[in-house]
PDB file of N, CA and C in Angstrom:
ATOM      1  N   UNK A   1      -6.741  -5.266   2.195  1.00  0.00           N
ATOM      2  CA  UNK A   1      -7.680  -4.468   1.856  1.00  0.00           C
ATOM      3  C   UNK A   1      -7.733  -3.675   0.449  1.00  0.00           C
ATOM      4  N   UNK A   2      -8.257  -3.603  -0.092  1.00  0.00           N
ATOM      5  CA  UNK A   2      -8.478  -3.202  -1.712  1.00  0.00           C
ATOM      6  C   UNK A   2      -7.907  -1.755  -1.598  1.00  0.00           C
ATOM      7  N   UNK A   3      -7.840  -1.677  -2.585  1.00  0.00           N
ATOM      8  CA  UNK A   3      -7.482  -0.117  -3.267  1.00  0.00           C
ATOM      9  C   UNK A   3      -8.868   0.830  -2.557  1.00  0.00           C
ATOM     10  N   UNK A   4     -10.253   0.369  -3.557  1.00  0.00           N
ATOM     11  CA  UNK A   4     -10.711   1.321  -2.902  1.00  0.00           C
ATOM     12  C   UNK A   4     -10.974   1.259  -1.159  1.00  0.00           C
ATOM     13  N   UNK A   5     -10.829   0.319  -0.807  1.00  0.00           N
ATOM     14  CA  UNK A   5     -11.004   0.354   0.517  1.00  0.00           C
ATOM     15  C   UNK A   5     -10.023   1.167   1.628  1.00  0.00           C
ATOM     16  N   UNK A   6      -9.098   1.455   0.752  1.00  0.00           N
ATOM     17  CA  UNK A   6      -7.940   2.116   1.508  1.00  0.00           C
ATOM     18  C   UNK A   6      -7.826   3.323   1.403  1.00  0.00           C
ATOM     19  N   UNK A   7      -8.979   3.754  -0.037  1.00  0.00           N
ATOM     20  CA  UNK A   7      -8.780   5.177  -0.469  1.00  0.00           C
ATOM     21  C   UNK A   7     -10.152   5.711   0.424  1.00  0.00           C
ATOM     22  N   UNK A   8     -11.209   4.630   0.420  1.00  0.00           N
ATOM     23  CA  UNK A   8     -11.932   5.315   1.853  1.00  0.00           C
ATOM     24  C   UNK A   8     -11.272   5.737   3.093  1.00  0.00           C
ATOM     25  N   UNK A   9     -10.278   4.869   3.392  1.00  0.00           N
ATOM     26  CA  UNK A   9      -9.630   5.166   4.903  1.00  0.00           C
ATOM     27  C   UNK A   9      -8.591   6.162   4.660  1.00  0.00           C
ATOM     28  N   UNK A  10      -8.189   6.687   3.685  1.00  0.00           N
ATOM     29  CA  UNK A  10      -7.786   7.705   3.521  1.00  0.00           C
ATOM     30  C   UNK A  10      -8.183   9.034   3.265  1.00  0.00           C
ATOM     31  N   UNK A  11      -9.663   8.874   2.593  1.00  0.00           N
ATOM     32  CA  UNK A  11     -10.737  10.132   3.070  1.00  0.00           C
ATOM     33  C   UNK A  11     -11.463  10.347   4.307  1.00  0.00           C
ATOM     34  N   UNK A  12     -11.318   9.580   4.773  1.00  0.00           N
ATOM     35  CA  UNK A  12     -11.797   9.411   6.277  1.00  0.00           C
ATOM     36  C   UNK A  12     -10.858  10.061   7.605  1.00  0.00           C
ATOM     37  N   UNK A  13      -9.259  10.511   7.051  1.00  0.00           N
ATOM     38  CA  UNK A  13      -8.019  10.529   7.447  1.00  0.00           C
ATOM     39  C   UNK A  13      -7.872   9.466   8.801  1.00  0.00           C
ATOM     40  N   UNK A  14      -8.179   8.396   8.499  1.00  0.00           N
ATOM     41  CA  UNK A  14      -7.647   7.485   9.194  1.00  0.00           C
ATOM     42  C   UNK A  14      -5.867   6.900   8.933  1.00  0.00           C
ATOM     43  N   UNK A  15      -5.929   7.170   8.041  1.00  0.00           N
ATOM     44  CA  UNK A  15      -4.933   6.738   6.970  1.00  0.00           C
ATOM     45  C   UNK A  15      -3.492   7.623   7.201  1.00  0.00           C
ATOM     46  N   UNK A  16      -2.318   7.512   8.025  1.00  0.00           N
ATOM     47  CA  UNK A  16      -1.482   8.640   8.001  1.00  0.00           C
ATOM     48  C   UNK A  16      -0.299   8.288   7.172  1.00  0.00           C
ATOM     49  N   UNK A  17       0.133   7.470   6.646  1.00  0.00           N
ATOM     50  CA  UNK A  17       1.029   6.927   6.218  1.00  0.00           C
ATOM     51  C   UNK A  17       1.200   5.973   4.697  1.00  0.00           C
ATOM     52  N   UNK A  18       1.619   6.085   3.632  1.00  0.00           N
ATOM     53  CA  UNK A  18       2.044   5.019   2.722  1.00  0.00           C
ATOM     54  C   UNK A  18       3.020   4.770   2.545  1.00  0.00           C
ATOM     55  N   UNK A  19       3.660   2.951   2.027  1.00  0.00           N
ATOM     56  CA  UNK A  19       4.938   2.855   2.421  1.00  0.00           C
ATOM     57  C   UNK A  19       5.061   1.640   1.443  1.00  0.00           C
ATOM     58  N   UNK A  20       6.066   1.784   0.904  1.00  0.00           N
ATOM     59  CA  UNK A  20       6.497   0.605  -0.425  1.00  0.00           C
ATOM     60  C   UNK A  20       7.626   0.126  -0.164  1.00  0.00           C
ATOM     61  N   UNK A  21       7.568  -1.479   0.354  1.00  0.00           N
ATOM     62  CA  UNK A  21       8.787  -2.203   0.714  1.00  0.00           C
ATOM     63  C   UNK A  21       8.758  -3.577  -0.440  1.00  0.00           C
ATOM     64  N   UNK A  22       9.526  -4.096   0.278  1.00  0.00           N
ATOM     65  CA  UNK A  22      10.201  -5.317  -1.155  1.00  0.00           C
ATOM     66  C   UNK A  22       9.380  -6.612  -0.313  1.00  0.00           C
ATOM     67  N   UNK A  23       8.782  -7.071  -1.479  1.00  0.00           N
ATOM     68  CA  UNK A  23       7.348  -8.606  -0.380  1.00  0.00           C
ATOM     69  C   UNK A  23       8.626  -9.546  -0.317  1.00  0.00           C
ATOM     70  N   UNK A  24       7.823 -10.141   1.104  1.00  0.00           N
ATOM     71  CA  UNK A  24       9.039 -11.058   1.437  1.00  0.00           C
ATOM     72  C   UNK A  24       8.361 -12.362   1.314  1.00  0.00           C
ATOM     73  N   UNK A  25       7.314 -12.988   0.669  1.00  0.00           N
ATOM     74  CA  UNK A  25       6.336 -13.877   0.554  1.00  0.00           C
ATOM     75  C   UNK A  25       6.621 -14.607  -0.732  1.00  0.00           C
ATOM     76  N   UNK A  26       7.722 -15.013  -0.649  1.00  0.00           N
ATOM     77  CA  UNK A  26       8.509 -15.849  -2.047  1.00  0.00           C
ATOM     78  C   UNK A  26       7.972 -15.177  -3.359  1.00  0.00           C
ATOM     79  N   UNK A  27       7.729 -13.875  -3.525  1.00  0.00           N
ATOM     80  CA  UNK A  27       7.429 -13.272  -4.819  1.00  0.00           C
ATOM     81  C   UNK A  27       8.403 -12.085  -4.697  1.00  0.00           C
ATOM     82  N   UNK A  28       9.272 -11.867  -6.245  1.00  0.00           N
ATOM     83  CA  UNK A  28       9.722 -10.757  -6.131  1.00  0.00           C
ATOM     84  C   UNK A  28       9.248  -9.356  -6.849  1.00  0.00           C
ATOM     85  N   UNK A  29       9.599  -8.671  -6.203  1.00  0.00           N
ATOM     86  CA  UNK A  29       8.769  -7.456  -6.248  1.00  0.00           C
ATOM     87  C   UNK A  29       8.192  -6.538  -5.008  1.00  0.00           C
ATOM     88  N   UNK A  30       7.490  -5.487  -5.131  1.00  0.00           N
ATOM     89  CA  UNK A  30       7.109  -4.372  -4.221  1.00  0.00           C
ATOM     90  C   UNK A  30       5.756  -4.339  -3.908  1.00  0.00           C
ATOM     91  N   UNK A  31       5.208  -4.552  -2.127  1.00  0.00           N
ATOM     92  CA  UNK A  31       4.289  -4.494  -2.168  1.00  0.00           C
ATOM     93  C   UNK A  31       3.927  -2.889  -1.717  1.00  0.00           C
ATOM     94  N   UNK A  32       2.474  -2.616  -1.388  1.00  0.00           N
ATOM     95  CA  UNK A  32       2.250  -1.111  -1.145  1.00  0.00           C
ATOM     96  C   UNK A  32       1.680  -1.834   0.684  1.00  0.00           C
ATOM     97  N   UNK A  33       1.688  -0.760   1.628  1.00  0.00           N
ATOM     98  CA  UNK A  33       1.225  -1.067   2.868  1.00  0.00           C
ATOM     99  C   UNK A  33       1.062   0.436   3.567  1.00  0.00           C
ATOM    100  N   UNK A  34      -0.278   0.433   4.564  1.00  0.00           N
ATOM    101  CA  UNK A  34      -0.716   2.291   4.863  1.00  0.00           C
ATOM    102  C   UNK A  34      -0.727   1.579   6.346  1.00  0.00           C
ATOM    103  N   UNK A  35      -0.108   2.540   6.687  1.00  0.00           N
ATOM    104  CA  UNK A  35      -0.154   2.774   8.269  1.00  0.00           C
ATOM    105  C   UNK A  35      -1.591   3.339   8.903  1.00  0.00           C
ATOM    106  N   UNK A  36      -2.154   3.491   9.518  1.00  0.00           N
ATOM    107  CA  UNK A  36      -3.042   4.108  10.290  1.00  0.00           C
ATOM    108  C   UNK A  36      -2.421   4.945  11.424  1.00  0.00           C
ATOM    109  N   UNK A  37      -3.128   5.511  12.349  1.00  0.00           N
ATOM    110  CA  UNK A  37      -2.907   6.494  13.336  1.00  0.00           C
ATOM    111  C   UNK A  37      -2.185   5.333  14.920  1.00  0.00           C
ATOM    112  N   UNK A  38      -3.096   4.592  14.990  1.00  0.00           N
ATOM    113  CA  UNK A  38      -2.642   3.334  15.507  1.00  0.00           C
ATOM    114  C   UNK A  38      -0.824   2.518  15.607  1.00  0.00           C
ATOM    115  N   UNK A  39      -1.090   2.904  14.424  1.00  0.00           N
ATOM    116  CA  UNK A  39       0.086   2.094  13.965  1.00  0.00           C
ATOM    117  C   UNK A  39       0.387   1.039  12.926  1.00  0.00           C
ATOM    118  N   UNK A  40      -1.153   0.378  12.612  1.00  0.00           N
ATOM    119  CA  UNK A  40      -1.679  -1.068  12.388  1.00  0.00           C
ATOM    120  C   UNK A  40      -1.327  -0.735  10.717  1.00  0.00           C
ATOM    121  N   UNK A  41      -0.481  -1.652  10.511  1.00  0.00           N
ATOM    122  CA  UNK A  41      -0.144  -1.738   8.835  1.00  0.00           C
ATOM    123  C   UNK A  41      -1.556  -2.332   8.135  1.00  0.00           C
ATOM    124  N   UNK A  42      -1.956  -1.900   7.156  1.00  0.00           N
ATOM    125  CA  UNK A  42      -3.058  -2.248   6.403  1.00  0.00           C
ATOM    126  C   UNK A  42      -2.370  -2.873   4.330  1.00  0.00           C
ATOM    127  N   UNK A  43      -2.114  -3.976   4.262  1.00  0.00           N
ATOM    128  CA  UNK A  43      -1.608  -4.355   2.920  1.00  0.00           C
ATOM    129  C   UNK A  43      -2.292  -4.312   2.024  1.00  0.00           C
ATOM    130  N   UNK A  44      -1.867  -3.550   0.869  1.00  0.00           N
ATOM    131  CA  UNK A  44      -2.831  -3.329  -0.466  1.00  0.00           C
ATOM    132  C   UNK A  44      -3.323  -5.004  -0.907  1.00  0.00           C
ATOM    133  N   UNK A  45      -4.370  -5.589  -1.054  1.00  0.00           N
ATOM    134  CA  UNK A  45      -4.453  -6.791  -2.015  1.00  0.00           C
ATOM    135  C   UNK A  45      -5.504  -6.830  -2.664  1.00  0.00           C
ATOM    136  N   UNK A  46      -5.627  -7.453  -3.546  1.00  0.00           N
ATOM    137  CA  UNK A  46      -6.498  -7.863  -4.650  1.00  0.00           C
ATOM    138  C   UNK A  46      -7.820  -7.962  -3.882  1.00  0.00           C
ATOM    139  N   UNK A  47      -9.045  -8.452  -4.753  1.00  0.00           N
ATOM    140  CA  UNK A  47     -10.679  -8.682  -4.619  1.00  0.00           C
ATOM    141  C   UNK A  47     -10.290  -9.990  -3.647  1.00  0.00           C
ATOM    142  N   UNK A  48     -10.043 -10.530  -4.220  1.00  0.00           N
ATOM    143  CA  UNK A  48      -9.420 -12.089  -3.464  1.00  0.00           C
ATOM    144  C   UNK A  48      -8.680 -12.309  -2.031  1.00  0.00           C
ATOM    145  N   UNK A  49      -8.204 -11.161  -1.799  1.00  0.00           N
ATOM    146  CA  UNK A  49      -7.562 -10.775  -0.606  1.00  0.00           C
ATOM    147  C   UNK A  49      -5.926 -11.170  -0.800  1.00  0.00           C
ATOM    148  N   UNK A  50      -5.434 -11.510  -1.972  1.00  0.00           N
ATOM    149  CA  UNK A  50      -3.941 -11.864  -2.301  1.00  0.00           C
ATOM    150  C   UNK A  50      -3.306 -10.825  -2.272  1.00  0.00           C
ATOM    151  N   UNK A  51      -2.094 -11.046  -1.929  1.00  0.00           N
ATOM    152  CA  UNK A  51      -1.026  -9.690  -1.358  1.00  0.00           C
ATOM    153  C   UNK A  51      -0.694  -9.180  -3.163  1.00  0.00           C
ATOM    154  N   UNK A  52      -1.076  -7.596  -2.936  1.00  0.00           N
ATOM    155  CA  UNK A  52      -0.833  -6.847  -4.580  1.00  0.00           C
ATOM    156  C   UNK A  52       1.117  -7.271  -4.507  1.00  0.00           C
ATOM    157  N   UNK A  53       1.538  -7.563  -5.681  1.00  0.00           N
ATOM    158  CA  UNK A  53       2.969  -7.384  -5.338  1.00  0.00           C
ATOM    159  C   UNK A  53       3.219  -6.568  -7.169  1.00  0.00           C
ATOM    160  N   UNK A  54       4.041  -5.621  -6.998  1.00  0.00           N
ATOM    161  CA  UNK A  54       4.264  -4.907  -8.363  1.00  0.00           C
ATOM    162  C   UNK A  54       5.746  -5.171  -9.028  1.00  0.00           C
ATOM    163  N   UNK A  55       5.565  -5.541  -9.756  1.00  0.00           N
ATOM    164  CA  UNK A  55       7.042  -5.681 -10.940  1.00  0.00           C
ATOM    165  C   UNK A  55       7.940  -4.593 -10.303  1.00  0.00           C
ATOM    166  N   UNK A  56       7.540  -3.498 -10.157  1.00  0.00           N
ATOM    167  CA  UNK A  56       8.365  -2.109 -10.316  1.00  0.00           C
ATOM    168  C   UNK A  56       8.468  -1.400  -9.512  1.00  0.00           C
ATOM    169  N   UNK A  57       9.451  -0.552  -8.611  1.00  0.00           N
ATOM    170  CA  UNK A  57       9.289   0.266  -7.443  1.00  0.00           C
ATOM    171  C   UNK A  57       8.172   1.552  -8.046  1.00  0.00           C
ATOM    172  N   UNK A  58       8.741   1.747  -9.211  1.00  0.00           N
ATOM    173  CA  UNK A  58       7.376   3.183  -9.915  1.00  0.00           C
ATOM    174  C   UNK A  58       6.263   2.475 -10.140  1.00  0.00           C
ATOM    175  N   UNK A  59       5.587   1.647 -10.471  1.00  0.00           N
ATOM    176  CA  UNK A  59       4.215   0.789 -10.482  1.00  0.00           C
ATOM    177  C   UNK A  59       3.896   0.645  -8.922  1.00  0.00           C
ATOM    178  N   UNK A  60       4.598   0.329  -8.321  1.00  0.00           N
ATOM    179  CA  UNK A  60       3.956   0.203  -6.228  1.00  0.00           C
ATOM    180  C   UNK A  60       3.825   1.772  -6.035  1.00  0.00           C
ATOM    181  N   UNK A  61       4.860   2.711  -6.630  1.00  0.00           N
ATOM    182  CA  UNK A  61       4.657   4.119  -5.979  1.00  0.00           C
ATOM    183  C   UNK A  61       3.374   4.706  -6.534  1.00  0.00           C
ATOM    184  N   UNK A  62       3.177   4.474  -8.011  1.00  0.00           N
ATOM    185  CA  UNK A  62       1.747   4.751  -8.470  1.00  0.00           C
ATOM    186  C   UNK A  62       0.425   4.136  -7.986  1.00  0.00           C
ATOM    187  N   UNK A  63       0.347   2.911  -7.323  1.00  0.00           N
ATOM    188  CA  UNK A  63      -0.763   2.458  -6.947  1.00  0.00           C
ATOM    189  C   UNK A  63      -0.517   3.115  -5.743  1.00  0.00           C
ATOM    190  N   UNK A  64       0.184   3.290  -4.473  1.00  0.00           N
ATOM    191  CA  UNK A  64       0.286   4.573  -3.604  1.00  0.00           C
ATOM    192  C   UNK A  64      -0.420   5.567  -3.461  1.00  0.00           C
ATOM    193  N   UNK A  65       0.026   5.891  -4.611  1.00  0.00           N
ATOM    194  CA  UNK A  65      -0.636   7.423  -5.073  1.00  0.00           C
ATOM    195  C   UNK A  65      -2.321   7.499  -5.402  1.00  0.00           C
ATOM    196  N   UNK A  66      -2.532   6.496  -6.390  1.00  0.00           N
ATOM    197  CA  UNK A  66      -3.866   5.906  -6.048  1.00  0.00           C
ATOM    198  C   UNK A  66      -4.483   6.056  -5.293  1.00  0.00           C
ATOM    199  N   UNK A  67      -4.935   5.326  -4.237  1.00  0.00           N
ATOM    200  CA  UNK A  67      -4.965   5.794  -3.161  1.00  0.00           C
ATOM    201  C   UNK A  67      -5.191   7.377  -2.520  1.00  0.00           C
ATOM    202  N   UNK A  68      -4.130   8.166  -2.473  1.00  0.00           N
ATOM    203  CA  UNK A  68      -4.122   9.066  -2.231  1.00  0.00           C
ATOM    204  C   UNK A  68      -3.279   9.733  -1.571  1.00  0.00           C
ATOM    205  N   UNK A  69      -2.096   9.500  -1.317  1.00  0.00           N
ATOM    206  CA  UNK A  69      -0.722   9.892  -0.746  1.00  0.00           C
ATOM    207  C   UNK A  69      -0.195  10.324  -1.809  1.00  0.00           C
ATOM    208  N   UNK A  70       0.134  12.084  -1.345  1.00  0.00           N
ATOM    209  CA  UNK A  70       1.326  12.711  -2.070  1.00  0.00           C
ATOM    210  C   UNK A  70       3.129  12.250  -1.853  1.00  0.00           C
ATOM    211  N   UNK A  71       3.060  11.655  -0.739  1.00  0.00           N
ATOM    212  CA  UNK A  71       4.361  11.168  -0.616  1.00  0.00           C
ATOM    213  C   UNK A  71       4.312   9.748  -0.077  1.00  0.00           C
ATOM    214  N   UNK A  72       5.297   9.384  -0.525  1.00  0.00           N
ATOM    215  CA  UNK A  72       5.304   7.461  -0.369  1.00  0.00           C
ATOM    216  C   UNK A  72       6.465   7.245   0.196  1.00  0.00           C
ATOM    217  N   UNK A  73       6.947   6.410   1.099  1.00  0.00           N
ATOM    218  CA  UNK A  73       7.843   5.743   2.015  1.00  0.00           C
ATOM    219  C   UNK A  73       8.437   4.667   1.351  1.00  0.00           C
ATOM    220  N   UNK A  74       9.709   4.816   0.994  1.00  0.00           N
ATOM    221  CA  UNK A  74      10.283   3.231   0.793  1.00  0.00           C
ATOM    222  C   UNK A  74      11.284   2.838   1.419  1.00  0.00           C
ATOM    223  N   UNK A  75      11.059   1.589   1.917  1.00  0.00           N
ATOM    224  CA  UNK A  75      11.224   0.757   2.651  1.00  0.00           C
ATOM    225  C   UNK A  75      12.168   0.008   1.647  1.00  0.00           C
ATOM    226  N   UNK A  76      13.561  -0.603   1.856  1.00  0.00           N
ATOM    227  CA  UNK A  76      14.186  -1.439   1.201  1.00  0.00           C
ATOM    228  C   UNK A  76      14.930  -2.220   2.136  1.00  0.00           C
TER     229      UNK A  76
END
């Protein structure tokens, strides 16, 4: 889901948590995922549907905070 879509879900109080974790799809870097109240994960993607992968933990954390989360869980 795009950042705009995730931000809308956050504003509608559908999302309960943001997490940053290492990418497992052959890219080195960090990805952002948001969990909804049912436990389903929604990964941050670009407009073409590709997973957004950040070169640094700080960049990934900032991206999660731009969705609206004040706290972000780090999974390593």
